[in-house]
N, C-alpha and C. Protein backbone atom coordinates (compact mmCIF):
# COMPACT_ATOMS: atom_id res chain seq x y z
N MET A 1 164.83 123.59 140.23
CA MET A 1 163.93 123.09 141.26
C MET A 1 164.73 122.69 142.49
N LYS A 2 164.04 122.73 143.64
CA LYS A 2 164.65 122.32 144.90
C LYS A 2 163.73 121.30 145.58
N PHE A 3 164.35 120.34 146.25
CA PHE A 3 163.60 119.32 146.97
C PHE A 3 163.91 119.44 148.45
N TYR A 4 162.87 119.68 149.26
CA TYR A 4 163.02 119.77 150.70
C TYR A 4 162.73 118.41 151.30
N ASP A 5 163.71 117.90 152.03
CA ASP A 5 163.77 116.49 152.41
C ASP A 5 164.15 116.38 153.88
N PHE A 6 163.91 115.22 154.46
CA PHE A 6 164.54 114.82 155.72
C PHE A 6 164.89 113.36 155.52
N ALA A 7 166.17 113.07 155.40
CA ALA A 7 166.62 111.76 154.92
C ALA A 7 166.10 110.59 155.75
N LYS A 8 165.83 110.81 157.04
CA LYS A 8 165.40 109.72 157.90
C LYS A 8 163.90 109.43 157.81
N ALA A 9 163.13 110.33 157.25
CA ALA A 9 161.67 110.21 157.28
C ALA A 9 161.15 109.39 156.10
N PRO A 10 160.08 108.62 156.31
CA PRO A 10 159.54 107.79 155.22
C PRO A 10 158.81 108.59 154.14
N SER A 11 158.14 109.68 154.50
CA SER A 11 157.36 110.41 153.50
C SER A 11 158.20 110.92 152.34
N PRO A 12 159.27 111.69 152.59
CA PRO A 12 160.07 112.14 151.45
C PRO A 12 160.79 111.00 150.74
N ARG A 13 161.03 109.89 151.43
CA ARG A 13 161.66 108.76 150.76
C ARG A 13 160.80 108.26 149.60
N MET A 14 159.49 108.29 149.77
CA MET A 14 158.61 107.86 148.68
C MET A 14 158.86 108.68 147.42
N VAL A 15 159.05 109.98 147.59
CA VAL A 15 159.30 110.85 146.44
C VAL A 15 160.72 110.66 145.93
N ARG A 16 161.67 110.43 146.82
CA ARG A 16 163.04 110.18 146.37
C ARG A 16 163.11 108.93 145.48
N ILE A 17 162.40 107.88 145.89
CA ILE A 17 162.36 106.65 145.07
C ILE A 17 161.71 106.95 143.73
N PHE A 18 160.61 107.70 143.76
CA PHE A 18 159.91 108.08 142.53
C PHE A 18 160.86 108.83 141.60
N MET A 19 161.61 109.78 142.15
CA MET A 19 162.55 110.55 141.34
C MET A 19 163.65 109.64 140.79
N ALA A 20 164.14 108.72 141.61
CA ALA A 20 165.20 107.82 141.16
C ALA A 20 164.72 106.94 140.01
N GLU A 21 163.49 106.47 140.09
CA GLU A 21 162.93 105.66 139.00
C GLU A 21 162.83 106.48 137.71
N LYS A 22 162.60 107.77 137.85
CA LYS A 22 162.48 108.67 136.70
C LYS A 22 163.83 109.17 136.21
N GLY A 23 164.86 108.99 137.03
CA GLY A 23 166.16 109.54 136.68
C GLY A 23 166.23 111.04 136.87
N VAL A 24 165.42 111.57 137.79
CA VAL A 24 165.35 113.02 138.05
C VAL A 24 166.27 113.36 139.21
N GLU A 25 167.05 114.40 139.03
CA GLU A 25 167.89 114.91 140.11
C GLU A 25 167.59 116.39 140.30
N MET A 26 167.62 116.83 141.54
CA MET A 26 167.45 118.26 141.82
C MET A 26 168.16 118.60 143.12
N GLU A 27 168.41 119.87 143.29
CA GLU A 27 169.05 120.33 144.52
C GLU A 27 168.20 119.90 145.72
N THR A 28 168.86 119.32 146.72
CA THR A 28 168.13 118.83 147.89
C THR A 28 168.54 119.61 149.12
N ILE A 29 167.54 120.03 149.88
CA ILE A 29 167.76 120.77 151.12
C ILE A 29 167.17 119.95 152.26
N GLN A 30 168.00 119.64 153.25
CA GLN A 30 167.54 118.87 154.39
C GLN A 30 166.85 119.78 155.41
N VAL A 31 165.67 119.36 155.84
CA VAL A 31 164.91 120.07 156.88
C VAL A 31 164.90 119.15 158.09
N ASP A 32 165.59 119.52 159.14
CA ASP A 32 165.77 118.65 160.31
C ASP A 32 164.50 118.62 161.16
N LEU A 33 163.72 117.57 161.00
CA LEU A 33 162.48 117.44 161.77
C LEU A 33 162.76 117.19 163.24
N MET A 34 163.92 116.62 163.55
CA MET A 34 164.23 116.31 164.95
C MET A 34 164.46 117.56 165.77
N THR A 35 164.87 118.64 165.13
CA THR A 35 165.04 119.92 165.83
C THR A 35 163.94 120.90 165.50
N ALA A 36 162.85 120.38 164.91
CA ALA A 36 161.67 121.19 164.57
C ALA A 36 161.99 122.33 163.61
N GLU A 37 162.92 122.09 162.71
CA GLU A 37 163.25 123.11 161.72
C GLU A 37 162.06 123.44 160.82
N GLN A 38 161.16 122.46 160.66
CA GLN A 38 159.98 122.67 159.83
C GLN A 38 159.02 123.70 160.42
N MET A 39 159.18 124.00 161.71
CA MET A 39 158.30 124.96 162.38
C MET A 39 158.77 126.41 162.20
N LYS A 40 159.96 126.58 161.68
CA LYS A 40 160.50 127.93 161.55
C LYS A 40 159.78 128.72 160.45
N PRO A 41 159.69 130.03 160.61
CA PRO A 41 158.95 130.85 159.63
C PRO A 41 159.45 130.69 158.20
N GLU A 42 160.76 130.48 158.03
CA GLU A 42 161.31 130.37 156.68
C GLU A 42 160.73 129.18 155.93
N PHE A 43 160.59 128.05 156.64
CA PHE A 43 160.01 126.88 155.98
C PHE A 43 158.49 126.99 155.92
N ALA A 44 157.88 127.52 156.97
CA ALA A 44 156.42 127.68 156.99
C ALA A 44 155.94 128.54 155.83
N ALA A 45 156.76 129.47 155.38
CA ALA A 45 156.39 130.30 154.24
C ALA A 45 156.31 129.48 152.96
N LYS A 46 157.03 128.37 152.92
CA LYS A 46 157.01 127.49 151.75
C LYS A 46 155.93 126.43 151.87
N ASN A 47 155.68 125.97 153.10
CA ASN A 47 154.66 124.95 153.32
C ASN A 47 153.98 125.18 154.67
N PRO A 48 152.82 125.80 154.67
CA PRO A 48 152.14 126.10 155.94
C PRO A 48 151.70 124.86 156.71
N TRP A 49 151.73 123.69 156.07
CA TRP A 49 151.38 122.44 156.76
C TRP A 49 152.60 121.86 157.49
N LEU A 50 153.76 122.47 157.28
CA LEU A 50 154.98 122.16 158.04
C LEU A 50 155.43 120.71 157.91
N THR A 51 155.38 120.19 156.71
CA THR A 51 155.78 118.81 156.45
C THR A 51 156.71 118.75 155.24
N VAL A 52 157.46 117.69 155.17
CA VAL A 52 158.21 117.35 153.96
C VAL A 52 157.62 116.04 153.43
N PRO A 53 157.68 115.85 152.11
CA PRO A 53 158.47 116.55 151.11
C PRO A 53 157.82 117.81 150.57
N VAL A 54 158.67 118.64 149.98
CA VAL A 54 158.22 119.82 149.24
C VAL A 54 159.12 119.97 148.03
N ILE A 55 158.52 120.23 146.88
CA ILE A 55 159.27 120.59 145.68
C ILE A 55 159.02 122.07 145.43
N GLU A 56 160.09 122.84 145.33
CA GLU A 56 159.99 124.26 145.01
C GLU A 56 160.40 124.46 143.56
N LEU A 57 159.48 124.97 142.75
CA LEU A 57 159.75 125.19 141.34
C LEU A 57 160.60 126.44 141.14
N ASP A 58 161.12 126.60 139.94
CA ASP A 58 162.00 127.73 139.66
C ASP A 58 161.27 129.06 139.79
N ASP A 59 159.94 129.05 139.63
CA ASP A 59 159.19 130.30 139.77
C ASP A 59 158.75 130.57 141.20
N GLY A 60 159.19 129.73 142.14
CA GLY A 60 158.86 129.92 143.54
C GLY A 60 157.65 129.15 144.03
N THR A 61 156.90 128.53 143.10
CA THR A 61 155.75 127.72 143.51
C THR A 61 156.23 126.53 144.34
N CYS A 62 155.57 126.27 145.45
CA CYS A 62 155.94 125.15 146.32
C CYS A 62 154.84 124.11 146.32
N ILE A 63 155.22 122.87 146.05
CA ILE A 63 154.28 121.76 146.00
C ILE A 63 154.61 120.81 147.14
N SER A 64 153.66 120.65 148.06
CA SER A 64 153.86 119.72 149.17
C SER A 64 152.96 118.51 148.96
N GLU A 65 153.13 117.52 149.81
CA GLU A 65 152.38 116.25 149.82
C GLU A 65 152.97 115.28 148.79
N ILE A 66 153.07 114.04 149.23
CA ILE A 66 153.69 113.00 148.41
C ILE A 66 153.01 112.87 147.06
N SER A 67 151.70 112.72 147.06
CA SER A 67 150.97 112.47 145.82
C SER A 67 151.08 113.65 144.86
N ALA A 68 151.07 114.87 145.38
CA ALA A 68 151.18 116.05 144.52
C ALA A 68 152.57 116.15 143.91
N CYS A 69 153.60 115.88 144.72
CA CYS A 69 154.97 115.88 144.20
C CYS A 69 155.12 114.84 143.09
N ASN A 70 154.61 113.64 143.34
CA ASN A 70 154.72 112.58 142.35
C ASN A 70 153.92 112.91 141.10
N ARG A 71 152.76 113.50 141.25
CA ARG A 71 151.96 113.89 140.09
C ARG A 71 152.71 114.89 139.22
N TYR A 72 153.33 115.88 139.84
CA TYR A 72 154.08 116.86 139.07
C TYR A 72 155.23 116.19 138.32
N LEU A 73 155.97 115.33 139.01
CA LEU A 73 157.09 114.65 138.37
C LEU A 73 156.63 113.77 137.22
N GLU A 74 155.51 113.10 137.38
CA GLU A 74 154.98 112.25 136.31
C GLU A 74 154.61 113.08 135.08
N GLU A 75 154.07 114.27 135.32
CA GLU A 75 153.64 115.12 134.21
C GLU A 75 154.83 115.65 133.42
N ILE A 76 155.91 115.99 134.11
CA ILE A 76 157.06 116.55 133.37
C ILE A 76 158.05 115.49 132.92
N HIS A 77 157.98 114.30 133.53
CA HIS A 77 158.83 113.18 133.13
C HIS A 77 157.96 111.93 133.02
N PRO A 78 157.20 111.80 131.94
CA PRO A 78 156.21 110.72 131.84
C PRO A 78 156.78 109.31 131.73
N GLU A 79 158.05 109.18 131.41
CA GLU A 79 158.65 107.85 131.27
C GLU A 79 159.69 107.61 132.36
N PRO A 80 159.72 106.43 132.94
CA PRO A 80 158.71 105.37 132.81
C PRO A 80 157.45 105.76 133.58
N PRO A 81 156.28 105.35 133.10
CA PRO A 81 155.04 105.73 133.78
C PRO A 81 154.87 104.98 135.09
N LEU A 82 154.74 105.71 136.18
CA LEU A 82 154.55 105.09 137.50
C LEU A 82 153.15 105.30 138.02
N LEU A 83 152.36 106.13 137.33
CA LEU A 83 150.97 106.38 137.73
C LEU A 83 149.98 105.79 136.73
N GLY A 84 150.50 105.07 135.73
CA GLY A 84 149.62 104.42 134.77
C GLY A 84 149.64 105.08 133.40
N ARG A 85 149.26 104.29 132.38
CA ARG A 85 149.28 104.79 130.99
C ARG A 85 147.91 105.20 130.48
N ASP A 86 146.88 104.41 130.78
CA ASP A 86 145.54 104.74 130.28
C ASP A 86 144.60 104.92 131.46
N ALA A 87 143.35 105.24 131.16
CA ALA A 87 142.38 105.57 132.21
C ALA A 87 142.21 104.43 133.20
N LYS A 88 142.07 103.21 132.70
CA LYS A 88 141.87 102.06 133.58
C LYS A 88 143.09 101.84 134.48
N GLU A 89 144.27 101.82 133.87
CA GLU A 89 145.48 101.55 134.64
C GLU A 89 145.73 102.65 135.68
N LYS A 90 145.49 103.89 135.30
CA LYS A 90 145.67 105.00 136.24
C LYS A 90 144.74 104.86 137.43
N ALA A 91 143.49 104.49 137.18
CA ALA A 91 142.52 104.35 138.26
C ALA A 91 142.88 103.18 139.18
N VAL A 92 143.30 102.06 138.60
CA VAL A 92 143.66 100.89 139.41
C VAL A 92 144.89 101.19 140.27
N ILE A 93 145.88 101.83 139.69
CA ILE A 93 147.08 102.18 140.45
C ILE A 93 146.74 103.15 141.57
N GLU A 94 145.92 104.14 141.27
CA GLU A 94 145.55 105.10 142.31
C GLU A 94 144.77 104.41 143.43
N MET A 95 143.91 103.48 143.08
CA MET A 95 143.14 102.74 144.08
C MET A 95 144.07 101.98 145.02
N TRP A 96 145.00 101.22 144.44
CA TRP A 96 145.91 100.43 145.27
C TRP A 96 146.85 101.31 146.07
N ASN A 97 147.31 102.39 145.47
CA ASN A 97 148.21 103.28 146.20
C ASN A 97 147.49 103.91 147.39
N HIS A 98 146.23 104.24 147.21
CA HIS A 98 145.44 104.80 148.32
C HIS A 98 145.40 103.82 149.48
N HIS A 99 145.16 102.56 149.19
CA HIS A 99 145.07 101.57 150.27
C HIS A 99 146.43 101.32 150.92
N MET A 100 147.50 101.34 150.12
CA MET A 100 148.83 101.18 150.70
C MET A 100 149.12 102.33 151.66
N PHE A 101 148.70 103.52 151.29
CA PHE A 101 148.97 104.69 152.13
C PHE A 101 148.07 104.71 153.36
N MET A 102 146.78 104.52 153.16
CA MET A 102 145.83 104.65 154.27
C MET A 102 145.94 103.49 155.25
N GLU A 103 146.05 102.28 154.75
CA GLU A 103 146.05 101.11 155.61
C GLU A 103 147.46 100.72 156.08
N GLY A 104 148.47 101.23 155.39
CA GLY A 104 149.84 100.92 155.77
C GLY A 104 150.56 102.11 156.38
N PHE A 105 150.79 103.13 155.58
CA PHE A 105 151.56 104.27 156.08
C PHE A 105 150.86 104.97 157.24
N MET A 106 149.58 105.21 157.11
CA MET A 106 148.87 105.91 158.18
C MET A 106 148.78 105.07 159.45
N ALA A 107 148.73 103.76 159.30
CA ALA A 107 148.76 102.88 160.48
C ALA A 107 150.11 102.99 161.18
N GLY A 108 151.19 103.01 160.40
CA GLY A 108 152.51 103.17 161.00
C GLY A 108 152.66 104.51 161.69
N ALA A 109 152.16 105.56 161.05
CA ALA A 109 152.22 106.89 161.66
C ALA A 109 151.41 106.94 162.94
N GLU A 110 150.26 106.29 162.94
CA GLU A 110 149.42 106.22 164.13
C GLU A 110 150.17 105.54 165.28
N ALA A 111 150.84 104.45 164.97
CA ALA A 111 151.57 103.71 166.00
C ALA A 111 152.76 104.51 166.52
N LEU A 112 153.54 105.08 165.62
CA LEU A 112 154.75 105.78 166.03
C LEU A 112 154.45 107.09 166.74
N ARG A 113 153.60 107.90 166.14
CA ARG A 113 153.39 109.25 166.67
C ARG A 113 152.65 109.23 168.00
N ASN A 114 151.95 108.16 168.29
CA ASN A 114 151.24 108.06 169.57
C ASN A 114 152.03 107.31 170.64
N SER A 115 153.30 106.99 170.34
CA SER A 115 154.09 106.24 171.33
C SER A 115 155.50 106.78 171.52
N ALA A 116 156.10 107.36 170.48
CA ALA A 116 157.50 107.80 170.57
C ALA A 116 157.63 109.03 171.48
N PRO A 117 158.49 108.97 172.48
CA PRO A 117 158.66 110.11 173.39
C PRO A 117 158.99 111.43 172.69
N PRO A 118 159.83 111.45 171.64
CA PRO A 118 160.11 112.73 170.99
C PRO A 118 158.89 113.39 170.34
N MET A 119 157.80 112.60 170.16
CA MET A 119 156.61 113.14 169.52
C MET A 119 155.52 113.48 170.52
N LYS A 120 155.88 113.54 171.77
CA LYS A 120 154.92 113.96 172.80
C LYS A 120 154.39 115.35 172.45
N GLY A 121 153.07 115.47 172.41
CA GLY A 121 152.45 116.72 172.02
C GLY A 121 152.41 116.96 170.53
N ARG A 122 152.93 115.99 169.74
CA ARG A 122 152.98 116.12 168.27
C ARG A 122 152.45 114.84 167.64
N ALA A 123 151.32 114.35 168.15
CA ALA A 123 150.78 113.07 167.68
C ALA A 123 150.28 113.14 166.25
N LEU A 124 150.05 114.33 165.74
CA LEU A 124 149.71 114.52 164.34
C LEU A 124 150.66 115.55 163.75
N ALA A 125 151.10 115.30 162.52
CA ALA A 125 151.97 116.27 161.85
C ALA A 125 151.17 117.52 161.51
N GLY A 126 151.86 118.64 161.39
CA GLY A 126 151.19 119.87 161.00
C GLY A 126 151.37 120.99 162.00
N PRO A 127 150.66 122.07 161.81
CA PRO A 127 150.86 123.27 162.64
C PRO A 127 150.22 123.22 164.01
N HIS A 128 149.36 122.22 164.25
CA HIS A 128 148.64 122.15 165.52
C HIS A 128 149.14 120.96 166.36
N GLY A 129 149.27 121.17 167.65
CA GLY A 129 149.74 120.11 168.53
C GLY A 129 148.60 119.23 169.02
N PHE A 130 148.87 117.94 169.14
CA PHE A 130 147.90 116.99 169.66
C PHE A 130 148.62 116.02 170.59
N GLU A 131 147.99 115.69 171.70
CA GLU A 131 148.59 114.77 172.66
C GLU A 131 148.50 113.33 172.15
N GLN A 132 149.43 112.53 172.60
CA GLN A 132 149.44 111.12 172.23
C GLN A 132 148.30 110.37 172.91
N ILE A 133 147.79 109.36 172.19
CA ILE A 133 146.74 108.49 172.71
C ILE A 133 147.27 107.06 172.62
N PRO A 134 147.68 106.46 173.72
CA PRO A 134 148.28 105.12 173.67
C PRO A 134 147.43 104.08 172.97
N ASP A 135 146.11 104.16 173.12
CA ASP A 135 145.25 103.19 172.45
C ASP A 135 145.37 103.27 170.93
N LEU A 136 145.65 104.46 170.42
CA LEU A 136 145.83 104.60 168.97
C LEU A 136 147.15 103.98 168.53
N ALA A 137 148.16 104.05 169.39
CA ALA A 137 149.42 103.38 169.08
C ALA A 137 149.21 101.88 168.97
N ALA A 138 148.47 101.32 169.91
CA ALA A 138 148.18 99.88 169.88
C ALA A 138 147.36 99.52 168.65
N ARG A 139 146.41 100.37 168.32
CA ARG A 139 145.60 100.10 167.13
C ARG A 139 146.46 100.14 165.87
N GLY A 140 147.39 101.08 165.81
CA GLY A 140 148.27 101.17 164.66
C GLY A 140 149.09 99.90 164.47
N ILE A 141 149.57 99.33 165.56
CA ILE A 141 150.32 98.07 165.49
C ILE A 141 149.44 96.97 164.92
N THR A 142 148.22 96.88 165.41
CA THR A 142 147.28 95.86 164.91
C THR A 142 147.00 96.07 163.43
N ARG A 143 146.79 97.31 163.05
CA ARG A 143 146.50 97.62 161.65
C ARG A 143 147.67 97.22 160.75
N LEU A 144 148.90 97.45 161.22
CA LEU A 144 150.06 97.06 160.42
C LEU A 144 150.13 95.54 160.23
N GLY A 145 149.75 94.79 161.25
CA GLY A 145 149.69 93.34 161.11
C GLY A 145 148.71 92.93 160.04
N HIS A 146 147.54 93.56 160.04
CA HIS A 146 146.54 93.27 159.00
C HIS A 146 147.05 93.69 157.62
N PHE A 147 147.76 94.82 157.58
CA PHE A 147 148.31 95.30 156.31
C PHE A 147 149.25 94.27 155.70
N MET A 148 150.14 93.72 156.53
CA MET A 148 151.10 92.73 156.03
C MET A 148 150.37 91.50 155.48
N ALA A 149 149.38 91.04 156.21
CA ALA A 149 148.64 89.84 155.79
C ALA A 149 147.86 90.11 154.50
N ASP A 150 147.23 91.26 154.43
CA ASP A 150 146.45 91.60 153.23
C ASP A 150 147.35 91.79 152.02
N LEU A 151 148.51 92.41 152.24
CA LEU A 151 149.44 92.62 151.13
C LEU A 151 150.00 91.28 150.64
N ASP A 152 150.29 90.37 151.57
CA ASP A 152 150.75 89.05 151.18
C ASP A 152 149.71 88.34 150.32
N ALA A 153 148.45 88.45 150.71
CA ALA A 153 147.38 87.83 149.93
C ALA A 153 147.29 88.44 148.54
N ARG A 154 147.37 89.76 148.46
CA ARG A 154 147.31 90.44 147.17
C ARG A 154 148.46 89.99 146.27
N LEU A 155 149.64 89.89 146.83
CA LEU A 155 150.81 89.53 146.03
C LEU A 155 150.85 88.05 145.68
N GLY A 156 149.91 87.29 146.22
CA GLY A 156 149.74 85.91 145.78
C GLY A 156 148.99 85.81 144.47
N GLU A 157 148.35 86.91 144.08
CA GLU A 157 147.58 86.91 142.84
C GLU A 157 148.08 87.95 141.83
N SER A 158 149.10 88.70 142.19
CA SER A 158 149.59 89.77 141.32
C SER A 158 151.10 89.91 141.51
N LYS A 159 151.84 90.09 140.41
CA LYS A 159 153.29 90.24 140.53
C LYS A 159 153.66 91.48 141.34
N TYR A 160 152.99 92.58 141.03
CA TYR A 160 153.20 93.82 141.76
C TYR A 160 151.90 94.24 142.43
N VAL A 161 151.96 95.26 143.23
CA VAL A 161 150.78 95.62 144.03
C VAL A 161 149.58 95.94 143.16
N ALA A 162 149.78 96.72 142.10
CA ALA A 162 148.64 97.17 141.29
C ALA A 162 148.48 96.41 139.99
N GLY A 163 149.27 95.35 139.80
CA GLY A 163 149.14 94.59 138.56
C GLY A 163 150.46 94.01 138.11
N ASP A 164 150.65 93.97 136.80
CA ASP A 164 151.84 93.32 136.23
C ASP A 164 153.05 94.23 136.16
N SER A 165 152.87 95.52 136.40
CA SER A 165 153.96 96.48 136.26
C SER A 165 154.25 97.18 137.58
N TYR A 166 155.51 97.49 137.79
CA TYR A 166 155.95 98.27 138.96
C TYR A 166 155.34 99.66 138.87
N SER A 167 154.84 100.16 140.01
CA SER A 167 154.18 101.46 140.01
C SER A 167 154.40 102.16 141.34
N VAL A 168 153.80 103.32 141.45
CA VAL A 168 153.88 104.09 142.70
C VAL A 168 153.32 103.30 143.88
N ALA A 169 152.38 102.40 143.63
CA ALA A 169 151.82 101.59 144.72
C ALA A 169 152.88 100.70 145.33
N ASP A 170 153.83 100.24 144.53
CA ASP A 170 154.94 99.43 145.05
C ASP A 170 155.90 100.30 145.86
N ILE A 171 156.11 101.53 145.43
CA ILE A 171 156.96 102.44 146.18
C ILE A 171 156.37 102.68 147.57
N THR A 172 155.09 102.99 147.61
CA THR A 172 154.43 103.24 148.88
C THR A 172 154.50 102.02 149.78
N ALA A 173 154.19 100.86 149.23
CA ALA A 173 154.19 99.63 150.03
C ALA A 173 155.58 99.29 150.54
N LEU A 174 156.60 99.47 149.71
CA LEU A 174 157.98 99.20 150.15
C LEU A 174 158.35 100.08 151.33
N VAL A 175 158.06 101.36 151.24
CA VAL A 175 158.39 102.28 152.32
C VAL A 175 157.61 101.92 153.58
N VAL A 176 156.36 101.51 153.43
CA VAL A 176 155.55 101.11 154.58
C VAL A 176 156.17 99.90 155.29
N VAL A 177 156.57 98.89 154.53
CA VAL A 177 157.16 97.69 155.15
C VAL A 177 158.40 98.07 155.94
N ASP A 178 159.23 98.94 155.39
CA ASP A 178 160.42 99.37 156.12
C ASP A 178 160.04 100.24 157.32
N PHE A 179 159.09 101.13 157.14
CA PHE A 179 158.63 102.02 158.21
C PHE A 179 158.06 101.22 159.37
N ALA A 180 157.36 100.14 159.06
CA ALA A 180 156.76 99.31 160.11
C ALA A 180 157.81 98.77 161.07
N GLY A 181 159.02 98.59 160.57
CA GLY A 181 160.09 98.12 161.43
C GLY A 181 160.41 99.08 162.57
N TRP A 182 160.09 100.36 162.38
CA TRP A 182 160.31 101.35 163.44
C TRP A 182 159.50 101.02 164.69
N VAL A 183 158.36 100.36 164.50
CA VAL A 183 157.51 100.00 165.64
C VAL A 183 157.49 98.48 165.82
N LYS A 184 158.54 97.85 165.29
CA LYS A 184 158.77 96.42 165.49
C LYS A 184 157.69 95.52 164.90
N VAL A 185 157.20 95.91 163.74
CA VAL A 185 156.27 95.07 162.98
C VAL A 185 156.99 94.67 161.69
N ALA A 186 157.00 93.39 161.39
CA ALA A 186 157.69 92.89 160.20
C ALA A 186 156.86 91.79 159.55
N PRO A 187 157.09 91.51 158.27
CA PRO A 187 156.40 90.40 157.63
C PRO A 187 156.67 89.09 158.38
N GLN A 188 155.68 88.21 158.39
CA GLN A 188 155.80 86.91 159.04
C GLN A 188 156.50 85.91 158.11
N GLU A 189 157.08 84.89 158.70
CA GLU A 189 157.82 83.89 157.93
C GLU A 189 156.96 83.24 156.86
N ASP A 190 155.69 83.03 157.14
CA ASP A 190 154.83 82.35 156.19
C ASP A 190 154.25 83.27 155.12
N GLN A 191 154.58 84.55 155.16
CA GLN A 191 154.09 85.50 154.16
C GLN A 191 155.08 85.51 152.98
N THR A 192 155.12 84.39 152.28
CA THR A 192 156.12 84.18 151.24
C THR A 192 155.90 85.06 150.01
N ASN A 193 154.65 85.38 149.71
CA ASN A 193 154.39 86.26 148.57
C ASN A 193 154.95 87.65 148.83
N LEU A 194 154.75 88.12 150.04
CA LEU A 194 155.26 89.42 150.45
C LEU A 194 156.79 89.42 150.40
N LYS A 195 157.41 88.34 150.86
CA LYS A 195 158.87 88.26 150.85
C LYS A 195 159.40 88.25 149.43
N ARG A 196 158.77 87.49 148.54
CA ARG A 196 159.20 87.44 147.14
C ARG A 196 159.17 88.83 146.53
N TRP A 197 158.06 89.53 146.72
CA TRP A 197 157.91 90.88 146.17
C TRP A 197 158.91 91.84 146.81
N TYR A 198 159.05 91.79 148.14
CA TYR A 198 159.93 92.72 148.83
C TYR A 198 161.37 92.57 148.35
N ASP A 199 161.83 91.34 148.23
CA ASP A 199 163.20 91.11 147.79
C ASP A 199 163.42 91.70 146.40
N GLU A 200 162.41 91.61 145.55
CA GLU A 200 162.55 92.13 144.18
C GLU A 200 162.57 93.66 144.16
N VAL A 201 161.59 94.27 144.79
CA VAL A 201 161.52 95.74 144.70
C VAL A 201 162.62 96.40 145.53
N ASN A 202 163.03 95.75 146.61
CA ASN A 202 164.09 96.32 147.43
C ASN A 202 165.45 96.21 146.75
N ALA A 203 165.57 95.34 145.76
CA ALA A 203 166.81 95.20 145.02
C ALA A 203 166.96 96.24 143.91
N ARG A 204 165.89 96.94 143.60
CA ARG A 204 165.97 97.98 142.58
C ARG A 204 166.89 99.10 143.08
N PRO A 205 167.72 99.67 142.22
CA PRO A 205 168.61 100.74 142.67
C PRO A 205 167.87 101.91 143.34
N SER A 206 166.65 102.18 142.90
CA SER A 206 165.89 103.30 143.45
C SER A 206 165.56 103.12 144.93
N ALA A 207 165.51 101.88 145.38
CA ALA A 207 165.15 101.61 146.77
C ALA A 207 166.16 102.20 147.76
N LYS A 208 167.37 102.48 147.26
CA LYS A 208 168.40 103.05 148.12
C LYS A 208 168.32 104.56 148.18
N ALA A 209 167.39 105.15 147.45
CA ALA A 209 167.28 106.62 147.41
C ALA A 209 166.90 107.19 148.78
């Protein structure tokens, strides 16, 4: 198998952490998003959505998108379970991971892609160009503030994001908190639950992946 990555980007980092937690290693190929290498025909043939991460199987099948990559890895390496063990746990983890991604990661992407000069004309990832909308950048910043406050509240009632066990929802949330720093949003001093959780999950060896 091969893993198509861009070391600086948050999206493939989520899968790298997932792989590290599983103890999975595979050949890694860097796709330089800063020079638009993802737009070249060679990569487009593997992923027409022109994004990383991508896992290429030995038979040539290419799996893109964070959740799909993680699902495949969970199926072939079920231990430790990061997507849940039974129907209830799987549903709860998926629910929380969805909110971490939509309310956290997508807010950060909204803020960055609508404000960063290198992303002019590329406000949305993918094969189609979109112009930046400054109001969306401002909204993304506001959304990230709400995300931090809501996550702090959640972690006041739960050890980890989705319950008592570390899961993919913690991976997503960790990457979001770090990603938010790109647009100068960080946890507040009084968000002590968030700080307690962040210090713990960021100390895991996988967090360095």
